Amino acid sequence: SYKPKSKVMASISIFDIAGLVKGASTGAGLGNAFLSHIDAVDGIYHMVRAFPNEEIIHEEGDVDPIRDMEIITNELIAKDLQKLEKIKPPIKLMIDRKNDKTAKEEMAVLDRVQEYLDKKIPVREGDWNPKEIEFLNTLLFITAKPVVYLINIGRDEYITKKNKFLPKIAGWIKENGGGPMIPFSAE
């Protein structure tokens, strides 16, 4: 019988982007610095606050999970648009100087990425063929990564399994590409 010589334990590393607020992609809060360092992550846990508590101040002044999810999604899209602005010029140069066939194919993919992002559609929602996916995987767009939505609800709401925001959140997630939604109570 086969006996393994060693065991390698599975591990997961989580990076908290606590400073991600409206305008983070242009320098607001602490988010922009963090966003620059998470290109290589395999996926995103999007934590959403869905509980009222006057002792815990909300950046936007009140609790509105849908608004918050849209803000974060828009910030990630803005960061990908910034990345696109840096990626395109060298490829365009290859097309202009050498009429490079591969560069033309890559630019066509990037133009489609631009179209999706301009419409506020994450890259992961695009209709890509395997060759295009292989190219996109080298670029590490943040919105290409899968998202798990962690919905932080109040303790009592978690126990009773009732929260007024959950149906609206589930609907928003479905309309915006889907993904797992996990309600929990950090309290």
Protein backbone atom coordinates (compact mmCIF):
# COMPACT_ATOMS: atom_id res chain seq x y z
CA SER A 1 0.00 0.00 0.00
CA TYR A 2 1.09 3.58 -0.71
CA LYS A 3 2.11 5.72 2.26
CA PRO A 4 2.76 9.43 1.73
CA LYS A 5 6.12 10.64 3.02
CA SER A 6 4.84 13.99 4.21
CA LYS A 7 1.65 15.94 4.64
CA VAL A 8 1.06 19.43 3.36
CA MET A 9 -1.72 21.18 5.22
CA ALA A 10 -4.09 23.40 3.28
CA SER A 11 -3.89 27.05 4.20
CA ILE A 12 -5.67 30.27 3.42
CA SER A 13 -4.39 33.82 3.76
CA ILE A 14 -6.86 36.66 4.14
CA PHE A 15 -6.01 40.33 3.59
CA ASP A 16 -8.37 42.85 5.18
CA ILE A 17 -9.04 45.99 3.13
CA ALA A 18 -10.77 47.86 5.93
CA GLY A 19 -10.07 51.29 4.45
CA LEU A 20 -12.00 50.66 1.24
CA VAL A 21 -14.51 53.54 1.00
CA LYS A 22 -16.11 55.59 -1.76
CA GLY A 23 -13.30 57.24 -3.71
CA ALA A 24 -10.64 54.73 -2.60
CA SER A 25 -9.48 54.14 -6.17
CA THR A 26 -8.60 57.83 -6.39
CA GLY A 27 -6.94 58.06 -2.99
CA ALA A 28 -9.74 58.36 -0.41
CA GLY A 29 -9.36 56.38 2.81
CA LEU A 30 -6.76 53.64 3.03
CA GLY A 31 -8.22 51.45 0.29
CA ASN A 32 -6.11 52.52 -2.68
CA ALA A 33 -2.85 51.37 -1.05
CA PHE A 34 -4.40 48.00 -0.18
CA LEU A 35 -5.99 47.57 -3.61
CA SER A 36 -2.55 47.87 -5.19
CA HIS A 37 -1.32 44.88 -3.20
CA ILE A 38 -4.09 42.36 -3.82
CA ASP A 39 -3.71 41.73 -7.53
CA ALA A 40 -2.50 38.19 -6.93
CA VAL A 41 -5.35 37.03 -4.66
CA ASP A 42 -7.44 34.11 -5.90
CA GLY A 43 -10.80 35.43 -4.72
CA ILE A 44 -12.59 38.08 -2.70
CA TYR A 45 -14.66 37.88 0.48
CA HIS A 46 -16.95 40.90 0.26
CA MET A 47 -18.10 41.65 3.80
CA VAL A 48 -21.35 43.59 3.93
CA ARG A 49 -22.81 45.24 7.03
CA ALA A 50 -26.53 44.51 7.34
CA PHE A 51 -27.28 45.38 10.94
CA PRO A 52 -28.20 48.67 12.61
CA ASN A 53 -26.18 49.74 15.64
CA GLU A 54 -25.91 53.38 16.67
CA GLU A 55 -22.71 52.65 18.62
CA ILE A 56 -20.91 51.58 15.43
CA ILE A 57 -20.63 54.55 13.08
CA HIS A 58 -21.03 53.90 9.36
CA GLU A 59 -18.79 55.76 6.90
CA GLU A 60 -21.81 56.83 4.82
CA GLY A 61 -23.94 57.79 7.84
CA ASP A 62 -26.53 55.02 7.73
CA VAL A 63 -26.83 51.28 7.03
CA ASP A 64 -27.63 50.56 3.39
CA PRO A 65 -26.05 47.27 2.23
CA ILE A 66 -27.03 47.70 -1.42
CA ARG A 67 -25.40 51.15 -1.59
CA ASP A 68 -22.31 49.75 0.15
CA MET A 69 -22.06 46.79 -2.25
CA GLU A 70 -22.35 49.15 -5.21
CA ILE A 71 -19.67 51.47 -3.79
CA ILE A 72 -17.20 48.60 -3.35
CA THR A 73 -17.99 47.09 -6.75
CA ASN A 74 -17.56 50.50 -8.40
CA GLU A 75 -14.22 51.04 -6.61
CA LEU A 76 -12.95 47.66 -7.84
CA ILE A 77 -14.12 48.49 -11.37
CA ALA A 78 -12.39 51.90 -11.15
CA LYS A 79 -9.16 50.19 -10.10
CA ASP A 80 -9.40 47.81 -13.07
CA LEU A 81 -10.00 50.76 -15.41
CA GLN A 82 -6.82 52.37 -14.06
CA LYS A 83 -4.94 49.14 -14.71
CA LEU A 84 -6.34 49.01 -18.24
CA GLU A 85 -4.97 52.51 -18.92
CA LYS A 86 -1.47 51.22 -18.11
CA ILE A 87 -1.77 47.94 -20.04
CA LYS A 88 -3.08 49.28 -23.35
CA PRO A 89 -0.33 51.75 -24.46
CA PRO A 90 2.53 49.22 -24.82
CA ILE A 91 0.25 46.85 -26.75
CA LYS A 92 -0.90 49.69 -29.01
CA LEU A 93 2.76 50.51 -29.63
CA MET A 94 3.38 46.92 -30.79
CA ILE A 95 0.45 47.23 -33.18
CA ASP A 96 1.58 50.61 -34.54
CA ARG A 97 5.25 49.66 -34.95
CA LYS A 98 5.10 46.01 -36.00
CA ASN A 99 1.45 45.37 -36.89
CA ASP A 100 1.80 42.46 -34.45
CA LYS A 101 -1.00 39.87 -34.80
CA THR A 102 -0.85 38.76 -31.14
CA ALA A 103 -0.95 42.38 -29.96
CA LYS A 104 -4.05 42.97 -32.13
CA GLU A 105 -5.77 39.95 -30.54
CA GLU A 106 -4.82 41.15 -27.06
CA MET A 107 -6.07 44.66 -27.79
CA ALA A 108 -9.40 43.25 -28.99
CA VAL A 109 -9.77 41.46 -25.63
CA LEU A 110 -8.78 44.62 -23.74
CA ASP A 111 -11.30 46.66 -25.73
CA ARG A 112 -14.01 44.19 -24.64
CA VAL A 113 -12.78 44.45 -21.04
CA GLN A 114 -13.11 48.24 -21.39
CA GLU A 115 -16.69 47.87 -22.70
CA TYR A 116 -17.68 45.67 -19.75
CA LEU A 117 -16.06 47.91 -17.15
CA ASP A 118 -17.54 51.06 -18.69
CA LYS A 119 -20.97 49.41 -18.26
CA LYS A 120 -20.09 48.58 -14.61
CA ILE A 121 -19.86 44.86 -15.43
CA PRO A 122 -17.05 42.95 -13.69
CA VAL A 123 -14.56 41.13 -15.93
CA ARG A 124 -15.65 37.75 -14.49
CA GLU A 125 -19.10 38.32 -16.05
CA GLY A 126 -17.67 38.60 -19.57
CA ASP A 127 -18.19 35.97 -22.25
CA TRP A 128 -14.61 34.76 -22.79
CA ASN A 129 -13.19 31.83 -24.74
CA PRO A 130 -10.35 29.70 -23.26
CA LYS A 131 -7.60 31.58 -25.13
CA GLU A 132 -8.94 34.93 -23.91
CA ILE A 133 -9.19 33.61 -20.35
CA GLU A 134 -5.56 32.49 -20.51
CA PHE A 135 -4.54 36.03 -21.51
CA LEU A 136 -6.80 37.68 -18.91
CA ASN A 137 -5.36 35.44 -16.18
CA THR A 138 -1.95 37.06 -16.75
CA LEU A 139 -3.39 40.54 -16.11
CA LEU A 140 -4.92 39.89 -12.66
CA PHE A 141 -7.93 42.19 -12.95
CA ILE A 142 -9.58 42.47 -9.53
CA THR A 143 -13.09 42.13 -10.97
CA ALA A 144 -12.11 38.88 -12.68
CA LYS A 145 -11.85 37.17 -9.30
CA PRO A 146 -14.72 35.15 -7.77
CA VAL A 147 -16.59 36.81 -4.91
CA VAL A 148 -18.13 35.31 -1.76
CA TYR A 149 -20.50 37.72 -0.03
CA LEU A 150 -20.29 37.60 3.78
CA ILE A 151 -23.36 39.32 5.21
CA ASN A 152 -22.83 40.49 8.78
CA ILE A 153 -26.26 40.59 10.44
CA GLY A 154 -27.18 41.23 14.07
CA ARG A 155 -26.92 38.48 16.68
CA ASP A 156 -30.67 38.35 17.33
CA GLU A 157 -31.38 38.41 13.59
CA TYR A 158 -28.99 35.51 13.09
CA ILE A 159 -30.71 33.47 15.83
CA THR A 160 -34.21 34.15 14.45
CA LYS A 161 -32.95 33.82 10.86
CA LYS A 162 -34.71 37.08 9.94
CA ASN A 163 -33.06 40.18 8.51
CA LYS A 164 -34.88 42.81 6.44
CA PHE A 165 -31.87 43.35 4.18
CA LEU A 166 -31.16 39.72 3.16
CA PRO A 167 -33.79 39.41 0.37
CA LYS A 168 -32.64 42.71 -1.20
CA ILE A 169 -28.98 41.68 -0.89
CA ALA A 170 -29.69 38.29 -2.47
CA GLY A 171 -31.49 40.04 -5.33
CA TRP A 172 -28.61 42.46 -5.88
CA ILE A 173 -26.07 39.63 -5.91
CA LYS A 174 -28.16 37.69 -8.45
CA GLU A 175 -28.47 40.77 -10.70
CA ASN A 176 -24.74 41.47 -10.44
CA GLY A 177 -23.21 38.15 -11.43
CA GLY A 178 -24.27 35.90 -8.57
CA GLY A 179 -22.01 34.19 -6.10
CA PRO A 180 -22.38 32.59 -2.68
CA MET A 181 -23.98 34.65 0.09
CA ILE A 182 -23.19 33.65 3.68
CA PRO A 183 -25.14 35.40 6.45
CA PHE A 184 -23.35 35.41 9.83
CA SER A 185 -23.12 37.43 13.01
CA ALA A 186 -19.69 38.71 14.01
CA GLU A 187 -21.19 39.73 17.35
